[in-house]
């Protein structure tokens, strides 16, 4: 496994649900497998990197160079960018799912994907903390995607990410907010919407909003 697994608040999850919590963890050596399990996430990671390459002018590129990959949401986008620029787009990655035993969908307590990406950003692509014992009635949900109460672990996770980003000499910690409600949530922890055409467009449509925080 790799150092990125240190970002997961594993101790707190075990303290909450007991030592029989089941974790399935994958790292850089399992990248091909991760891409098969969650192809949209791997495409999203690469798309986020490409967006920053284009908007920050890191390389003189044609912004539509990889239009077919975007149209099909291909998980191979990171390979195409790496080949074009001669850089490693995904330098390290950690993907984890955890269940309160027994392992079944209704017992999921965490799903997370974090990647150390080009040039040197730590990208939190996906994070879900779920208390399977506390479903939220549909009419009482504050956030459309939140079906259960959370676990109060987001502050610890973000602290872990900031610490790991410093260890890796990253420039920024980045993430993609699913909607405007999450922009307000992450804004409380120092994240701001990316100052780019993509950031402004995403805010306009209200989804897939790139956010960043300096290390």
N, C-alpha and C. Protein backbone atom coordinates (compact mmCIF):
# COMPACT_ATOMS: atom_id res chain seq x y z
N UNK A 1 0.85 -1.18 0.00
CA UNK A 1 0.00 0.00 0.00
C UNK A 1 0.89 1.23 0.00
N UNK A 2 0.33 2.40 0.07
CA UNK A 2 1.12 3.61 -0.07
C UNK A 2 0.78 4.60 1.02
N UNK A 3 1.58 5.68 1.08
CA UNK A 3 1.43 6.67 2.12
C UNK A 3 0.12 7.41 2.11
N UNK A 4 -0.59 7.45 0.98
CA UNK A 4 -1.85 8.18 0.93
C UNK A 4 -2.91 7.55 1.82
N UNK A 5 -2.74 6.30 2.19
CA UNK A 5 -3.73 5.67 3.06
C UNK A 5 -3.76 6.33 4.44
N UNK A 6 -2.70 7.05 4.78
CA UNK A 6 -2.66 7.75 6.06
C UNK A 6 -3.69 8.88 6.13
N UNK A 7 -4.25 9.26 4.99
CA UNK A 7 -5.24 10.34 5.01
C UNK A 7 -6.59 9.86 5.54
N UNK A 8 -6.85 8.57 5.47
CA UNK A 8 -8.13 8.03 5.93
C UNK A 8 -8.20 8.04 7.45
N UNK A 9 -9.27 8.57 8.04
CA UNK A 9 -9.43 8.51 9.51
C UNK A 9 -9.83 7.10 9.96
N UNK A 10 -8.94 6.16 9.73
CA UNK A 10 -9.27 4.76 9.97
C UNK A 10 -9.51 4.48 11.45
N UNK A 11 -8.67 5.04 12.32
CA UNK A 11 -8.84 4.81 13.75
C UNK A 11 -10.22 5.25 14.22
N UNK A 12 -10.64 6.41 13.76
CA UNK A 12 -11.94 6.93 14.17
C UNK A 12 -13.08 6.05 13.67
N UNK A 13 -12.93 5.49 12.46
CA UNK A 13 -13.95 4.59 11.93
C UNK A 13 -14.02 3.30 12.75
N UNK A 14 -12.86 2.78 13.13
CA UNK A 14 -12.82 1.56 13.95
C UNK A 14 -13.37 1.84 15.34
N UNK A 15 -13.02 3.00 15.91
CA UNK A 15 -13.56 3.37 17.22
C UNK A 15 -15.09 3.43 17.17
N UNK A 16 -15.62 3.90 16.05
CA UNK A 16 -17.08 4.07 15.94
C UNK A 16 -17.80 2.76 15.69
N UNK A 17 -17.24 1.91 14.82
CA UNK A 17 -17.97 0.72 14.39
C UNK A 17 -17.35 -0.60 14.86
N UNK A 18 -16.20 -0.53 15.51
CA UNK A 18 -15.59 -1.74 16.02
C UNK A 18 -14.51 -2.30 15.10
N UNK A 19 -13.75 -3.21 15.62
CA UNK A 19 -12.60 -3.75 14.89
C UNK A 19 -12.98 -4.67 13.74
N UNK A 20 -14.27 -4.99 13.63
CA UNK A 20 -14.68 -5.86 12.53
C UNK A 20 -15.07 -5.08 11.29
N UNK A 21 -14.73 -3.77 11.25
CA UNK A 21 -14.95 -3.01 10.01
C UNK A 21 -14.10 -3.62 8.91
N UNK A 22 -14.70 -3.80 7.75
CA UNK A 22 -14.00 -4.41 6.61
C UNK A 22 -13.55 -3.31 5.66
N UNK A 23 -12.25 -3.23 5.40
CA UNK A 23 -11.70 -2.24 4.48
C UNK A 23 -11.15 -2.95 3.25
N UNK A 24 -11.48 -2.41 2.07
CA UNK A 24 -10.85 -2.85 0.83
C UNK A 24 -10.07 -1.66 0.30
N UNK A 25 -8.74 -1.77 0.28
CA UNK A 25 -7.87 -0.65 -0.07
C UNK A 25 -7.05 -0.97 -1.32
N UNK A 26 -6.89 0.03 -2.17
CA UNK A 26 -6.10 -0.13 -3.39
C UNK A 26 -5.17 1.06 -3.54
N UNK A 27 -3.97 0.80 -4.08
CA UNK A 27 -2.98 1.85 -4.27
C UNK A 27 -2.52 1.95 -5.71
N UNK A 28 -1.39 2.60 -5.91
CA UNK A 28 -0.89 2.88 -7.25
C UNK A 28 -0.68 1.60 -8.07
N UNK A 29 -0.21 0.55 -7.43
CA UNK A 29 0.02 -0.70 -8.16
C UNK A 29 -1.28 -1.33 -8.64
N UNK A 30 -2.40 -0.88 -8.08
CA UNK A 30 -3.71 -1.41 -8.46
C UNK A 30 -4.48 -0.45 -9.36
N UNK A 31 -3.79 0.51 -9.97
CA UNK A 31 -4.48 1.56 -10.71
C UNK A 31 -5.38 1.02 -11.81
N UNK A 32 -4.92 0.01 -12.53
CA UNK A 32 -5.75 -0.59 -13.59
C UNK A 32 -7.03 -1.17 -13.02
N UNK A 33 -6.92 -1.81 -11.86
CA UNK A 33 -8.09 -2.38 -11.20
C UNK A 33 -9.04 -1.28 -10.71
N UNK A 34 -8.48 -0.21 -10.16
CA UNK A 34 -9.30 0.92 -9.70
C UNK A 34 -10.07 1.50 -10.88
N UNK A 35 -9.40 1.62 -12.02
CA UNK A 35 -10.04 2.17 -13.22
C UNK A 35 -11.20 1.31 -13.68
N UNK A 36 -11.11 0.00 -13.46
CA UNK A 36 -12.21 -0.89 -13.83
C UNK A 36 -13.36 -0.79 -12.84
N UNK A 37 -13.02 -0.62 -11.54
CA UNK A 37 -14.04 -0.53 -10.51
C UNK A 37 -14.80 0.79 -10.57
N UNK A 38 -14.07 1.86 -10.83
CA UNK A 38 -14.69 3.18 -10.80
C UNK A 38 -14.15 4.04 -11.95
N UNK A 39 -14.48 3.67 -13.18
CA UNK A 39 -13.91 4.36 -14.35
C UNK A 39 -14.25 5.85 -14.39
N UNK A 40 -15.44 6.23 -13.94
CA UNK A 40 -15.80 7.65 -13.98
C UNK A 40 -14.90 8.47 -13.05
N UNK A 41 -14.52 7.89 -11.92
CA UNK A 41 -13.64 8.60 -11.00
C UNK A 41 -12.26 8.81 -11.60
N UNK A 42 -11.71 7.78 -12.23
CA UNK A 42 -10.38 7.91 -12.84
C UNK A 42 -10.43 8.89 -14.00
N UNK A 43 -11.51 8.88 -14.77
CA UNK A 43 -11.66 9.90 -15.81
C UNK A 43 -11.72 11.28 -15.17
N UNK A 44 -12.46 11.41 -14.09
CA UNK A 44 -12.60 12.70 -13.43
C UNK A 44 -11.29 13.24 -12.90
N UNK A 45 -10.47 12.37 -12.34
CA UNK A 45 -9.16 12.77 -11.86
C UNK A 45 -8.33 13.35 -13.00
N UNK A 46 -8.27 12.63 -14.11
CA UNK A 46 -7.50 13.09 -15.26
C UNK A 46 -8.08 14.37 -15.85
N UNK A 47 -9.41 14.45 -15.91
CA UNK A 47 -10.06 15.66 -16.44
C UNK A 47 -9.73 16.87 -15.59
N UNK A 48 -9.67 16.68 -14.28
CA UNK A 48 -9.32 17.77 -13.38
C UNK A 48 -7.90 18.27 -13.66
N UNK A 49 -6.99 17.33 -13.86
CA UNK A 49 -5.60 17.70 -14.17
C UNK A 49 -5.53 18.45 -15.50
N UNK A 50 -6.24 17.93 -16.51
CA UNK A 50 -6.22 18.58 -17.83
C UNK A 50 -6.78 19.99 -17.74
N UNK A 51 -7.83 20.16 -16.98
CA UNK A 51 -8.42 21.49 -16.78
C UNK A 51 -7.38 22.46 -16.23
N UNK A 52 -6.58 22.01 -15.28
CA UNK A 52 -5.57 22.89 -14.68
C UNK A 52 -4.41 23.14 -15.64
N UNK A 53 -4.05 22.14 -16.43
CA UNK A 53 -3.00 22.33 -17.44
C UNK A 53 -3.41 23.41 -18.42
N UNK A 54 -4.67 23.35 -18.87
CA UNK A 54 -5.17 24.31 -19.85
C UNK A 54 -5.31 25.70 -19.24
N UNK A 55 -5.98 25.79 -18.10
CA UNK A 55 -6.30 27.09 -17.52
C UNK A 55 -5.10 27.80 -16.92
N UNK A 56 -4.10 27.04 -16.50
CA UNK A 56 -2.93 27.65 -15.89
C UNK A 56 -1.76 27.79 -16.86
N UNK A 57 -1.96 27.31 -18.08
CA UNK A 57 -0.92 27.47 -19.09
C UNK A 57 0.37 26.73 -18.78
N UNK A 58 0.24 25.57 -18.15
CA UNK A 58 1.44 24.81 -17.81
C UNK A 58 2.15 24.29 -19.06
N UNK A 59 1.39 24.04 -20.12
CA UNK A 59 1.95 23.58 -21.39
C UNK A 59 1.13 24.20 -22.53
N UNK A 60 1.78 24.49 -23.66
CA UNK A 60 1.03 25.00 -24.81
C UNK A 60 0.30 23.84 -25.49
N UNK A 61 -0.98 23.68 -25.18
CA UNK A 61 -1.74 22.54 -25.68
C UNK A 61 -3.02 23.03 -26.36
N UNK A 62 -3.57 22.17 -27.18
CA UNK A 62 -4.88 22.38 -27.76
C UNK A 62 -5.92 21.94 -26.73
N UNK A 63 -6.75 22.84 -26.20
CA UNK A 63 -7.70 22.46 -25.16
C UNK A 63 -8.62 21.31 -25.54
N UNK A 64 -8.86 21.14 -26.85
CA UNK A 64 -9.75 20.07 -27.31
C UNK A 64 -8.99 18.84 -27.80
N UNK A 65 -7.73 18.76 -27.42
CA UNK A 65 -6.87 17.66 -27.84
C UNK A 65 -7.50 16.29 -27.55
N UNK A 66 -8.16 16.20 -26.42
CA UNK A 66 -8.69 14.91 -25.98
C UNK A 66 -10.22 14.88 -25.95
N UNK A 67 -10.84 15.62 -26.85
CA UNK A 67 -12.30 15.69 -26.88
C UNK A 67 -12.96 14.31 -26.91
N UNK A 68 -12.46 13.35 -27.71
CA UNK A 68 -13.11 12.02 -27.73
C UNK A 68 -13.08 11.34 -26.36
N UNK A 69 -12.00 11.56 -25.59
CA UNK A 69 -11.91 10.95 -24.26
C UNK A 69 -12.94 11.57 -23.32
N UNK A 70 -13.18 12.87 -23.48
CA UNK A 70 -14.17 13.54 -22.65
C UNK A 70 -15.58 13.13 -23.05
N UNK A 71 -15.81 12.98 -24.33
CA UNK A 71 -17.14 12.61 -24.80
C UNK A 71 -17.56 11.23 -24.31
N UNK A 72 -16.59 10.33 -24.20
CA UNK A 72 -16.89 8.97 -23.75
C UNK A 72 -16.59 8.75 -22.28
N UNK A 73 -16.06 9.81 -21.61
CA UNK A 73 -15.65 9.71 -20.20
C UNK A 73 -14.68 8.54 -20.00
N UNK A 74 -13.73 8.44 -20.90
CA UNK A 74 -12.79 7.33 -20.89
C UNK A 74 -11.85 7.38 -19.68
N UNK A 75 -11.70 6.27 -18.97
CA UNK A 75 -10.73 6.22 -17.87
C UNK A 75 -9.29 6.22 -18.34
N UNK A 76 -9.08 6.09 -19.65
CA UNK A 76 -7.72 6.10 -20.21
C UNK A 76 -7.20 7.51 -20.47
N UNK A 77 -7.97 8.52 -20.10
CA UNK A 77 -7.54 9.90 -20.33
C UNK A 77 -6.20 10.20 -19.68
N UNK A 78 -5.98 9.68 -18.49
CA UNK A 78 -4.71 9.96 -17.81
C UNK A 78 -3.52 9.39 -18.58
N UNK A 79 -3.72 8.26 -19.24
CA UNK A 79 -2.65 7.67 -20.05
C UNK A 79 -2.36 8.53 -21.27
N UNK A 80 -3.41 9.05 -21.90
CA UNK A 80 -3.24 9.89 -23.09
C UNK A 80 -2.51 11.19 -22.75
N UNK A 81 -2.88 11.81 -21.64
CA UNK A 81 -2.21 13.06 -21.23
C UNK A 81 -0.75 12.78 -20.90
N UNK A 82 -0.52 11.69 -20.17
CA UNK A 82 0.85 11.33 -19.79
C UNK A 82 1.73 11.12 -21.02
N UNK A 83 1.18 10.43 -22.02
CA UNK A 83 1.94 10.17 -23.25
C UNK A 83 2.21 11.45 -24.02
N UNK A 84 1.22 12.32 -24.11
CA UNK A 84 1.38 13.57 -24.86
C UNK A 84 2.45 14.46 -24.24
N UNK A 85 2.42 14.61 -22.94
CA UNK A 85 3.28 15.58 -22.26
C UNK A 85 4.55 14.97 -21.66
N UNK A 86 4.62 13.65 -21.65
CA UNK A 86 5.79 13.01 -21.05
C UNK A 86 5.86 13.23 -19.56
N UNK A 87 4.68 13.26 -18.91
CA UNK A 87 4.61 13.45 -17.46
C UNK A 87 3.76 12.33 -16.87
N UNK A 88 3.88 12.14 -15.58
CA UNK A 88 3.05 11.16 -14.90
C UNK A 88 1.86 11.90 -14.30
N UNK A 89 0.69 11.69 -14.87
CA UNK A 89 -0.50 12.42 -14.42
C UNK A 89 -0.92 11.98 -13.02
N UNK A 90 -1.01 10.67 -12.80
CA UNK A 90 -1.36 10.14 -11.48
C UNK A 90 -0.09 9.60 -10.84
N UNK A 91 0.47 10.38 -9.93
CA UNK A 91 1.74 10.01 -9.31
C UNK A 91 1.55 8.98 -8.20
N UNK A 92 0.41 9.05 -7.54
CA UNK A 92 0.05 8.07 -6.51
C UNK A 92 -1.47 8.15 -6.32
N UNK A 93 -2.04 7.08 -5.81
CA UNK A 93 -3.50 7.06 -5.66
C UNK A 93 -3.87 6.12 -4.53
N UNK A 94 -5.00 6.40 -3.89
CA UNK A 94 -5.51 5.54 -2.82
C UNK A 94 -7.03 5.50 -2.94
N UNK A 95 -7.58 4.31 -3.04
CA UNK A 95 -9.03 4.12 -3.13
C UNK A 95 -9.44 3.12 -2.06
N UNK A 96 -10.46 3.48 -1.29
CA UNK A 96 -10.89 2.60 -0.20
C UNK A 96 -12.40 2.59 -0.10
N UNK A 97 -12.93 1.41 0.22
CA UNK A 97 -14.32 1.26 0.62
C UNK A 97 -14.32 0.49 1.93
N UNK A 98 -15.21 0.87 2.83
CA UNK A 98 -15.27 0.20 4.12
C UNK A 98 -16.71 -0.07 4.53
N UNK A 99 -16.92 -1.23 5.15
CA UNK A 99 -18.25 -1.65 5.58
C UNK A 99 -18.24 -2.08 7.03
N UNK A 100 -19.31 -1.77 7.72
CA UNK A 100 -19.56 -2.38 9.02
C UNK A 100 -19.99 -3.81 8.74
N UNK A 101 -19.26 -4.79 9.30
CA UNK A 101 -19.55 -6.19 8.99
C UNK A 101 -21.00 -6.54 9.34
N UNK A 102 -21.62 -7.39 8.49
CA UNK A 102 -21.09 -8.03 7.29
C UNK A 102 -21.05 -7.08 6.10
N UNK A 103 -20.20 -7.41 5.14
CA UNK A 103 -20.02 -6.56 3.96
C UNK A 103 -21.24 -6.66 3.06
N UNK A 104 -21.97 -5.54 2.97
CA UNK A 104 -23.10 -5.43 2.05
C UNK A 104 -23.37 -3.94 1.83
N UNK A 105 -24.08 -3.62 0.76
CA UNK A 105 -24.27 -2.21 0.39
C UNK A 105 -24.87 -1.39 1.53
N UNK A 106 -25.81 -1.97 2.26
CA UNK A 106 -26.49 -1.23 3.32
C UNK A 106 -25.57 -0.92 4.49
N UNK A 107 -24.42 -1.56 4.56
CA UNK A 107 -23.49 -1.36 5.68
C UNK A 107 -22.28 -0.52 5.31
N UNK A 108 -22.29 0.10 4.12
CA UNK A 108 -21.16 0.93 3.72
C UNK A 108 -21.00 2.09 4.70
N UNK A 109 -19.76 2.33 5.15
CA UNK A 109 -19.49 3.44 6.07
C UNK A 109 -18.55 4.48 5.46
N UNK A 110 -17.74 4.08 4.46
CA UNK A 110 -16.83 5.04 3.84
C UNK A 110 -16.49 4.61 2.42
N UNK A 111 -16.36 5.59 1.55
CA UNK A 111 -15.77 5.39 0.22
C UNK A 111 -14.97 6.65 -0.08
N UNK A 112 -13.72 6.47 -0.47
CA UNK A 112 -12.85 7.63 -0.69
C UNK A 112 -11.84 7.33 -1.79
N UNK A 113 -11.57 8.35 -2.59
CA UNK A 113 -10.49 8.28 -3.57
C UNK A 113 -9.69 9.57 -3.49
N UNK A 114 -8.39 9.43 -3.26
CA UNK A 114 -7.50 10.59 -3.21
C UNK A 114 -6.28 10.28 -4.08
N UNK A 115 -5.80 11.29 -4.81
CA UNK A 115 -4.69 11.07 -5.74
C UNK A 115 -3.69 12.22 -5.65
N UNK A 116 -2.43 11.88 -5.75
CA UNK A 116 -1.35 12.86 -5.88
C UNK A 116 -1.11 13.00 -7.37
N UNK A 117 -1.39 14.18 -7.90
CA UNK A 117 -1.43 14.35 -9.36
C UNK A 117 -0.51 15.46 -9.82
N UNK A 118 -0.28 15.48 -11.13
CA UNK A 118 0.52 16.51 -11.79
C UNK A 118 -0.17 17.87 -11.64
N UNK A 119 0.60 19.00 -11.41
CA UNK A 119 2.03 19.00 -11.24
C UNK A 119 2.41 18.48 -9.85
N UNK A 120 1.80 19.04 -8.85
CA UNK A 120 1.97 18.49 -7.51
C UNK A 120 0.81 18.94 -6.64
N UNK A 121 -0.36 18.39 -6.93
CA UNK A 121 -1.57 18.66 -6.16
C UNK A 121 -2.04 17.38 -5.50
N UNK A 122 -2.67 17.51 -4.35
CA UNK A 122 -3.33 16.38 -3.72
C UNK A 122 -4.82 16.55 -3.97
N UNK A 123 -5.40 15.65 -4.74
CA UNK A 123 -6.77 15.77 -5.21
C UNK A 123 -7.68 14.81 -4.46
N UNK A 124 -8.65 15.35 -3.74
CA UNK A 124 -9.69 14.54 -3.12
C UNK A 124 -10.82 14.44 -4.12
N UNK A 125 -10.94 13.29 -4.78
CA UNK A 125 -11.95 13.18 -5.81
C UNK A 125 -13.30 12.75 -5.24
N UNK A 126 -13.28 11.83 -4.31
CA UNK A 126 -14.55 11.30 -3.79
C UNK A 126 -14.42 11.04 -2.31
N UNK A 127 -15.43 11.44 -1.54
CA UNK A 127 -15.46 11.10 -0.13
C UNK A 127 -16.91 10.95 0.31
N UNK A 128 -17.19 9.82 0.92
CA UNK A 128 -18.50 9.55 1.49
C UNK A 128 -18.32 8.92 2.85
N UNK A 129 -18.81 9.57 3.88
CA UNK A 129 -18.87 9.00 5.22
C UNK A 129 -20.35 8.76 5.53
N UNK A 130 -20.70 7.56 5.90
CA UNK A 130 -22.10 7.20 6.11
C UNK A 130 -22.27 6.50 7.46
N UNK A 131 -23.30 6.90 8.18
CA UNK A 131 -23.73 6.15 9.35
C UNK A 131 -24.90 5.28 8.92
N UNK A 132 -24.67 4.00 8.64
CA UNK A 132 -25.74 3.15 8.11
C UNK A 132 -26.90 2.97 9.08
N UNK A 133 -26.65 3.31 10.35
CA UNK A 133 -27.69 3.16 11.36
C UNK A 133 -28.64 4.36 11.40
N UNK A 134 -28.29 5.45 10.65
CA UNK A 134 -29.07 6.67 10.75
C UNK A 134 -29.49 7.21 9.38
N UNK A 135 -30.44 6.54 8.72
CA UNK A 135 -30.95 7.07 7.44
C UNK A 135 -31.70 8.37 7.68
N UNK A 136 -31.68 9.25 6.67
CA UNK A 136 -32.39 10.53 6.75
C UNK A 136 -33.64 10.45 5.87
N UNK A 137 -34.81 10.70 6.43
CA UNK A 137 -36.02 10.71 5.59
C UNK A 137 -35.87 11.71 4.46
N UNK A 138 -36.40 11.36 3.30
CA UNK A 138 -36.19 12.16 2.10
C UNK A 138 -36.58 13.62 2.30
N UNK A 139 -37.66 13.89 2.99
CA UNK A 139 -38.13 15.26 3.18
C UNK A 139 -37.26 16.04 4.15
N UNK A 140 -36.41 15.34 4.92
CA UNK A 140 -35.58 16.00 5.93
C UNK A 140 -34.15 16.21 5.47
N UNK A 141 -33.82 15.82 4.23
CA UNK A 141 -32.44 15.91 3.77
C UNK A 141 -32.06 17.34 3.41
N UNK A 142 -30.93 17.81 3.96
CA UNK A 142 -30.42 19.14 3.64
C UNK A 142 -29.70 19.15 2.30
N UNK A 143 -29.06 18.01 1.98
CA UNK A 143 -28.31 17.88 0.74
C UNK A 143 -28.92 16.75 -0.08
N UNK A 144 -29.16 16.96 -1.37
CA UNK A 144 -29.85 15.96 -2.20
C UNK A 144 -29.19 14.60 -2.21
N UNK A 145 -27.85 14.56 -2.14
CA UNK A 145 -27.14 13.29 -2.26
C UNK A 145 -26.93 12.59 -0.92
N UNK A 146 -27.31 13.24 0.17
CA UNK A 146 -27.06 12.68 1.50
C UNK A 146 -28.25 11.86 1.96
N UNK A 147 -28.09 10.53 1.92
CA UNK A 147 -29.18 9.62 2.30
C UNK A 147 -29.13 9.23 3.77
N UNK A 148 -27.94 9.37 4.39
CA UNK A 148 -27.75 9.00 5.80
C UNK A 148 -26.98 10.10 6.51
N UNK A 149 -27.06 10.10 7.82
CA UNK A 149 -26.25 11.03 8.58
C UNK A 149 -24.78 10.70 8.37
N UNK A 150 -23.92 11.72 8.47
CA UNK A 150 -22.49 11.51 8.35
C UNK A 150 -21.89 11.09 9.68
N UNK A 151 -20.56 11.13 9.73
CA UNK A 151 -19.86 10.66 10.92
C UNK A 151 -19.03 11.75 11.59
N UNK A 152 -19.12 12.98 11.06
CA UNK A 152 -18.36 14.08 11.65
C UNK A 152 -16.86 13.97 11.45
N UNK A 153 -16.44 13.26 10.41
CA UNK A 153 -15.01 13.01 10.21
C UNK A 153 -14.38 13.89 9.14
N UNK A 154 -15.17 14.75 8.48
CA UNK A 154 -14.61 15.59 7.43
C UNK A 154 -13.48 16.49 7.93
N UNK A 155 -13.59 17.15 9.08
CA UNK A 155 -12.48 17.99 9.55
C UNK A 155 -11.19 17.20 9.75
N UNK A 156 -11.30 15.99 10.28
CA UNK A 156 -10.11 15.16 10.49
C UNK A 156 -9.51 14.76 9.15
N UNK A 157 -10.36 14.37 8.21
CA UNK A 157 -9.87 14.00 6.87
C UNK A 157 -9.13 15.16 6.23
N UNK A 158 -9.70 16.36 6.28
CA UNK A 158 -9.06 17.51 5.64
C UNK A 158 -7.75 17.88 6.33
N UNK A 159 -7.67 17.70 7.63
CA UNK A 159 -6.41 17.91 8.34
C UNK A 159 -5.37 16.90 7.86
N UNK A 160 -5.79 15.65 7.72
CA UNK A 160 -4.88 14.61 7.24
C UNK A 160 -4.38 14.91 5.83
N UNK A 161 -5.28 15.41 4.98
CA UNK A 161 -4.90 15.75 3.61
C UNK A 161 -3.89 16.89 3.59
N UNK A 162 -4.13 17.90 4.41
CA UNK A 162 -3.21 19.03 4.46
C UNK A 162 -1.83 18.59 4.93
N UNK A 163 -1.79 17.73 5.93
CA UNK A 163 -0.51 17.23 6.45
C UNK A 163 0.22 16.42 5.38
N UNK A 164 -0.51 15.54 4.70
CA UNK A 164 0.12 14.72 3.65
C UNK A 164 0.58 15.60 2.49
N UNK A 165 -0.21 16.61 2.14
CA UNK A 165 0.18 17.52 1.06
C UNK A 165 1.49 18.23 1.38
N UNK A 166 1.67 18.62 2.64
CA UNK A 166 2.93 19.26 3.05
C UNK A 166 4.09 18.27 2.92
N UNK A 167 3.85 17.03 3.33
CA UNK A 167 4.90 16.01 3.24
C UNK A 167 5.34 15.80 1.79
N UNK A 168 4.40 15.90 0.87
CA UNK A 168 4.68 15.66 -0.55
C UNK A 168 5.10 16.93 -1.28
N UNK A 169 5.21 18.05 -0.54
CA UNK A 169 5.55 19.35 -1.13
C UNK A 169 4.57 19.73 -2.23
N UNK A 170 3.30 19.47 -1.99
CA UNK A 170 2.26 19.83 -2.96
C UNK A 170 2.05 21.34 -2.98
N UNK A 171 1.52 21.81 -4.11
CA UNK A 171 1.20 23.22 -4.24
C UNK A 171 -0.17 23.51 -3.63
N UNK A 172 -1.13 22.61 -3.89
CA UNK A 172 -2.49 22.82 -3.40
C UNK A 172 -3.17 21.49 -3.10
N UNK A 173 -4.19 21.56 -2.24
CA UNK A 173 -5.15 20.48 -2.09
C UNK A 173 -6.36 20.88 -2.92
N UNK A 174 -6.83 19.99 -3.77
CA UNK A 174 -7.94 20.30 -4.66
C UNK A 174 -9.05 19.27 -4.48
N UNK A 175 -10.24 19.64 -4.91
CA UNK A 175 -11.39 18.73 -4.89
C UNK A 175 -12.43 19.24 -5.88
N UNK A 176 -13.43 18.44 -6.11
CA UNK A 176 -14.54 18.83 -6.98
C UNK A 176 -15.83 18.70 -6.18
N UNK A 177 -16.49 19.83 -5.94
CA UNK A 177 -17.74 19.83 -5.20
C UNK A 177 -18.87 19.37 -6.11
N UNK A 178 -19.69 18.45 -5.60
CA UNK A 178 -20.78 17.92 -6.42
C UNK A 178 -21.82 18.97 -6.75
N UNK A 179 -22.04 19.92 -5.82
CA UNK A 179 -23.04 20.96 -6.04
C UNK A 179 -22.74 22.20 -5.23
N UNK A 180 -23.57 23.21 -5.36
CA UNK A 180 -23.33 24.49 -4.69
C UNK A 180 -23.38 24.35 -3.17
N UNK A 181 -24.20 23.42 -2.67
CA UNK A 181 -24.26 23.24 -1.22
C UNK A 181 -22.91 22.79 -0.67
N UNK A 182 -22.20 21.97 -1.43
CA UNK A 182 -20.88 21.53 -0.99
C UNK A 182 -19.85 22.64 -1.10
N UNK A 183 -20.06 23.60 -2.00
CA UNK A 183 -19.16 24.75 -2.07
C UNK A 183 -19.17 25.49 -0.74
N UNK A 184 -20.34 25.68 -0.18
CA UNK A 184 -20.44 26.34 1.12
C UNK A 184 -19.79 25.50 2.21
N UNK A 185 -20.00 24.18 2.14
CA UNK A 185 -19.42 23.29 3.14
C UNK A 185 -17.90 23.36 3.12
N UNK A 186 -17.29 23.16 1.94
CA UNK A 186 -15.83 23.15 1.86
C UNK A 186 -15.26 24.55 2.05
N UNK A 187 -16.06 25.57 1.73
CA UNK A 187 -15.61 26.93 1.96
C UNK A 187 -15.32 27.20 3.41
N UNK A 188 -16.01 26.51 4.31
CA UNK A 188 -15.76 26.69 5.75
C UNK A 188 -14.39 26.17 6.15
N UNK A 189 -13.79 25.38 5.30
CA UNK A 189 -12.46 24.82 5.59
C UNK A 189 -11.37 25.44 4.72
N UNK A 190 -11.65 26.61 4.16
CA UNK A 190 -10.62 27.35 3.44
C UNK A 190 -10.52 27.08 1.97
N UNK A 191 -11.42 26.30 1.40
CA UNK A 191 -11.39 26.03 -0.03
C UNK A 191 -12.16 27.12 -0.78
N UNK A 192 -11.66 27.47 -1.96
CA UNK A 192 -12.30 28.47 -2.80
C UNK A 192 -12.52 27.89 -4.19
N UNK A 193 -13.56 28.35 -4.86
CA UNK A 193 -13.81 27.92 -6.24
C UNK A 193 -12.65 28.36 -7.12
N UNK A 194 -12.18 27.46 -7.96
CA UNK A 194 -11.07 27.75 -8.86
C UNK A 194 -11.39 28.96 -9.74
N UNK A 195 -10.46 29.90 -9.81
CA UNK A 195 -10.65 31.10 -10.62
C UNK A 195 -10.29 30.78 -12.07
N UNK A 196 -11.26 30.21 -12.76
CA UNK A 196 -11.05 29.79 -14.15
C UNK A 196 -12.39 29.77 -14.86
N UNK A 197 -12.35 29.67 -16.18
CA UNK A 197 -13.59 29.55 -16.94
C UNK A 197 -14.36 28.31 -16.50
N UNK A 198 -13.63 27.23 -16.23
CA UNK A 198 -14.29 26.00 -15.79
C UNK A 198 -14.97 26.20 -14.45
N UNK A 199 -14.27 26.88 -13.53
CA UNK A 199 -14.85 27.14 -12.22
C UNK A 199 -16.12 27.98 -12.31
N UNK A 200 -16.07 29.02 -13.14
CA UNK A 200 -17.23 29.90 -13.28
C UNK A 200 -18.39 29.18 -13.98
N UNK A 201 -18.08 28.37 -14.99
CA UNK A 201 -19.12 27.62 -15.68
C UNK A 201 -19.77 26.60 -14.74
N UNK A 202 -18.93 25.90 -13.96
CA UNK A 202 -19.45 24.90 -13.05
C UNK A 202 -20.36 25.52 -11.99
N UNK A 203 -20.00 26.71 -11.51
CA UNK A 203 -20.86 27.39 -10.54
C UNK A 203 -22.19 27.77 -11.19
N UNK A 204 -22.13 28.14 -12.46
CA UNK A 204 -23.35 28.53 -13.17
C UNK A 204 -24.32 27.36 -13.30
N UNK A 205 -23.78 26.18 -13.64
CA UNK A 205 -24.64 25.01 -13.82
C UNK A 205 -24.90 24.30 -12.50
N UNK A 206 -24.07 24.59 -11.49
CA UNK A 206 -24.32 24.06 -10.15
C UNK A 206 -23.84 22.66 -9.88
N UNK A 207 -22.85 22.19 -10.63
CA UNK A 207 -22.32 20.85 -10.37
C UNK A 207 -20.89 20.74 -10.90
N UNK A 208 -20.15 19.76 -10.36
CA UNK A 208 -18.77 19.53 -10.78
C UNK A 208 -17.89 20.75 -10.61
N UNK A 209 -17.92 21.35 -9.42
CA UNK A 209 -17.27 22.64 -9.19
C UNK A 209 -15.86 22.46 -8.63
N UNK A 210 -14.82 22.84 -9.38
CA UNK A 210 -13.45 22.66 -8.89
C UNK A 210 -13.12 23.67 -7.80
N UNK A 211 -12.53 23.17 -6.71
CA UNK A 211 -12.16 24.01 -5.57
C UNK A 211 -10.71 23.72 -5.19
N UNK A 212 -10.09 24.68 -4.51
CA UNK A 212 -8.68 24.53 -4.17
C UNK A 212 -8.35 25.25 -2.88
N UNK A 213 -7.28 24.78 -2.24
CA UNK A 213 -6.77 25.43 -1.03
C UNK A 213 -5.26 25.32 -1.03
N UNK A 214 -4.58 26.41 -0.79
CA UNK A 214 -3.12 26.38 -0.76
C UNK A 214 -2.62 25.51 0.38
N UNK A 215 -1.48 24.89 0.16
CA UNK A 215 -0.85 24.06 1.20
C UNK A 215 -0.03 24.97 2.11
